[in-house]
Amino acid sequence: MDPAIPDRSPAPSDMRDEITIISAQQRETLALLRQLVEMLLPRGDPDKPKLEDLIAALVGQQTRMLILLRQIGSDVAGLLDQLAPEGEGGPDRPQAGNSGAR
């Protein structure tokens, strides 16, 4: 090994830490995969929610959130229009002095 080239290999303790992190992430991923497979496989337990029902609930929740966000954005724009001093237009509103003839 050339002494002018620094050794860039990780220290053994750093490598062990990285391997520990990767191992923990793999365990989490496998647990999530097991849960997903259990949800996908048909079961005879009527008390468990079906995957389709869970997806439908999530889609409905996302839709309601998007509607609320649009309403909030519209309300904020209306408030800003009301609070803007006379003659000042926002990016969507033309200036009062620019529309008349000179």
C-alpha atoms as a PDB file:
ATOM      1  CA  MET A   1       0.000   0.000   0.000  1.00  0.00           C
ATOM      2  CA  ASP A   2       1.293   3.434  -0.960  1.00  0.00           C
ATOM      3  CA  PRO A   3       1.791   5.691   2.107  1.00  0.00           C
ATOM      4  CA  ALA A   4       0.783   8.751   0.038  1.00  0.00           C
ATOM      5  CA  ILE A   5      -2.717   7.326  -0.482  1.00  0.00           C
ATOM      6  CA  PRO A   6      -4.810   7.546   2.683  1.00  0.00           C
ATOM      7  CA  ASP A   7      -6.656   4.452   3.841  1.00  0.00           C
ATOM      8  CA  ARG A   8     -10.351   5.077   3.199  1.00  0.00           C
ATOM      9  CA  SER A   9     -11.640   1.757   4.462  1.00  0.00           C
ATOM     10  CA  PRO A  10     -14.101   2.122   7.334  1.00  0.00           C
ATOM     11  CA  ALA A  11     -12.987   1.303  10.822  1.00  0.00           C
ATOM     12  CA  PRO A  12     -14.198  -2.077  12.082  1.00  0.00           C
ATOM     13  CA  SER A  13     -16.480  -0.438  14.659  1.00  0.00           C
ATOM     14  CA  ASP A  14     -18.047   1.787  11.964  1.00  0.00           C
ATOM     15  CA  MET A  15     -18.639  -1.248   9.788  1.00  0.00           C
ATOM     16  CA  ARG A  16     -20.254  -3.120  12.684  1.00  0.00           C
ATOM     17  CA  ASP A  17     -22.542  -0.145  13.339  1.00  0.00           C
ATOM     18  CA  GLU A  18     -23.578  -0.015   9.691  1.00  0.00           C
ATOM     19  CA  ILE A  19     -24.218  -3.764   9.627  1.00  0.00           C
ATOM     20  CA  THR A  20     -26.334  -3.446  12.786  1.00  0.00           C
ATOM     21  CA  ILE A  21     -28.393  -0.647  11.210  1.00  0.00           C
ATOM     22  CA  ILE A  22     -28.861  -2.601   7.968  1.00  0.00           C
ATOM     23  CA  SER A  23     -29.877  -5.701   9.931  1.00  0.00           C
ATOM     24  CA  ALA A  24     -32.468  -3.741  11.926  1.00  0.00           C
ATOM     25  CA  GLN A  25     -33.862  -2.209   8.732  1.00  0.00           C
ATOM     26  CA  GLN A  26     -34.121  -5.648   7.143  1.00  0.00           C
ATOM     27  CA  ARG A  27     -36.033  -6.969  10.162  1.00  0.00           C
ATOM     28  CA  GLU A  28     -38.462  -4.047   9.925  1.00  0.00           C
ATOM     29  CA  THR A  29     -38.886  -4.585   6.183  1.00  0.00           C
ATOM     30  CA  LEU A  30     -39.541  -8.289   6.643  1.00  0.00           C
ATOM     31  CA  ALA A  31     -42.088  -7.609   9.392  1.00  0.00           C
ATOM     32  CA  LEU A  32     -43.916  -5.141   7.126  1.00  0.00           C
ATOM     33  CA  LEU A  33     -43.797  -7.618   4.254  1.00  0.00           C
ATOM     34  CA  ARG A  34     -45.255 -10.342   6.477  1.00  0.00           C
ATOM     35  CA  GLN A  35     -48.074  -8.021   7.513  1.00  0.00           C
ATOM     36  CA  LEU A  36     -48.778  -7.141   3.882  1.00  0.00           C
ATOM     37  CA  VAL A  37     -48.837 -10.792   2.820  1.00  0.00           C
ATOM     38  CA  GLU A  38     -51.173 -11.625   5.712  1.00  0.00           C
ATOM     39  CA  MET A  39     -53.499  -8.853   4.571  1.00  0.00           C
ATOM     40  CA  LEU A  40     -53.421 -10.017   0.965  1.00  0.00           C
ATOM     41  CA  LEU A  41     -54.097 -13.657   1.715  1.00  0.00           C
ATOM     42  CA  PRO A  42     -57.755 -14.448   2.234  1.00  0.00           C
ATOM     43  CA  ARG A  43     -58.551 -15.418   5.794  1.00  0.00           C
ATOM     44  CA  GLY A  44     -61.709 -16.739   7.332  1.00  0.00           C
ATOM     45  CA  ASP A  45     -61.614 -14.210  10.186  1.00  0.00           C
ATOM     46  CA  PRO A  46     -64.563 -11.838   9.647  1.00  0.00           C
ATOM     47  CA  ASP A  47     -63.357  -9.470  12.390  1.00  0.00           C
ATOM     48  CA  LYS A  48     -60.240  -8.431  10.460  1.00  0.00           C
ATOM     49  CA  PRO A  49     -60.628  -5.583   7.969  1.00  0.00           C
ATOM     50  CA  LYS A  50     -60.031  -6.513   4.361  1.00  0.00           C
ATOM     51  CA  LEU A  51     -57.280  -4.884   2.347  1.00  0.00           C
ATOM     52  CA  GLU A  52     -59.796  -3.324  -0.040  1.00  0.00           C
ATOM     53  CA  ASP A  53     -61.628  -1.703   2.884  1.00  0.00           C
ATOM     54  CA  LEU A  54     -58.397  -0.272   4.277  1.00  0.00           C
ATOM     55  CA  ILE A  55     -57.370   1.122   0.886  1.00  0.00           C
ATOM     56  CA  ALA A  56     -60.830   2.630   0.369  1.00  0.00           C
ATOM     57  CA  ALA A  57     -60.653   4.290   3.797  1.00  0.00           C
ATOM     58  CA  LEU A  58     -57.191   5.705   3.025  1.00  0.00           C
ATOM     59  CA  VAL A  59     -58.291   7.030  -0.362  1.00  0.00           C
ATOM     60  CA  GLY A  60     -61.347   8.643   1.213  1.00  0.00           C
ATOM     61  CA  GLN A  61     -59.201  10.237   3.898  1.00  0.00           C
ATOM     62  CA  GLN A  62     -56.740  11.571   1.311  1.00  0.00           C
ATOM     63  CA  THR A  63     -59.611  13.016  -0.747  1.00  0.00           C
ATOM     64  CA  ARG A  64     -61.068  14.801   2.287  1.00  0.00           C
ATOM     65  CA  MET A  65     -57.627  16.192   3.144  1.00  0.00           C
ATOM     66  CA  LEU A  66     -57.150  17.546  -0.393  1.00  0.00           C
ATOM     67  CA  ILE A  67     -60.577  19.201  -0.321  1.00  0.00           C
ATOM     68  CA  LEU A  68     -59.808  20.803   3.046  1.00  0.00           C
ATOM     69  CA  LEU A  69     -56.422  22.042   1.817  1.00  0.00           C
ATOM     70  CA  ARG A  70     -58.040  23.642  -1.235  1.00  0.00           C
ATOM     71  CA  GLN A  71     -60.652  25.323   0.956  1.00  0.00           C
ATOM     72  CA  ILE A  72     -57.956  26.620   3.310  1.00  0.00           C
ATOM     73  CA  GLY A  73     -55.952  27.962   0.362  1.00  0.00           C
ATOM     74  CA  SER A  74     -59.025  29.694  -1.009  1.00  0.00           C
ATOM     75  CA  ASP A  75     -59.857  31.182   2.407  1.00  0.00           C
ATOM     76  CA  VAL A  76     -56.290  32.441   2.876  1.00  0.00           C
ATOM     77  CA  ALA A  77     -56.332  34.042  -0.584  1.00  0.00           C
ATOM     78  CA  GLY A  78     -59.643  35.748   0.263  1.00  0.00           C
ATOM     79  CA  LEU A  79     -58.271  37.041   3.554  1.00  0.00           C
ATOM     80  CA  LEU A  80     -55.140  38.361   1.880  1.00  0.00           C
ATOM     81  CA  ASP A  81     -57.279  40.171  -0.693  1.00  0.00           C
ATOM     82  CA  GLN A  82     -59.309  41.759   2.109  1.00  0.00           C
ATOM     83  CA  LEU A  83     -56.217  42.762   4.086  1.00  0.00           C
ATOM     84  CA  ALA A  84     -54.253  44.197   1.153  1.00  0.00           C
ATOM     85  CA  PRO A  85     -54.161  48.021   1.166  1.00  0.00           C
ATOM     86  CA  GLU A  86     -56.256  49.769  -1.485  1.00  0.00           C
ATOM     87  CA  GLY A  87     -54.417  49.990  -4.791  1.00  0.00           C
ATOM     88  CA  GLU A  88     -52.046  47.119  -4.021  1.00  0.00           C
ATOM     89  CA  GLY A  89     -52.716  43.991  -5.954  1.00  0.00           C
ATOM     90  CA  GLY A  90     -51.407  40.602  -5.241  1.00  0.00           C
ATOM     91  CA  PRO A  91     -49.906  38.395  -7.907  1.00  0.00           C
ATOM     92  CA  ASP A  92     -53.416  37.479  -9.083  1.00  0.00           C
ATOM     93  CA  ARG A  93     -54.908  40.943  -8.779  1.00  0.00           C
ATOM     94  CA  PRO A  94     -53.992  43.851 -11.122  1.00  0.00           C
ATOM     95  CA  GLN A  95     -52.898  47.187  -9.692  1.00  0.00           C
ATOM     96  CA  ALA A  96     -55.720  49.746  -9.500  1.00  0.00           C
ATOM     97  CA  GLY A  97     -53.738  52.453 -11.333  1.00  0.00           C
ATOM     98  CA  ASN A  98     -52.773  50.279 -14.291  1.00  0.00           C
ATOM     99  CA  SER A  99     -56.237  49.724 -15.728  1.00  0.00           C
ATOM    100  CA  GLY A 100     -57.179  53.336 -16.585  1.00  0.00           C
ATOM    101  CA  ALA A 101     -56.176  55.562 -19.517  1.00  0.00           C
ATOM    102  CA  ARG A 102     -53.295  58.042 -19.140  1.00  0.00           C
END
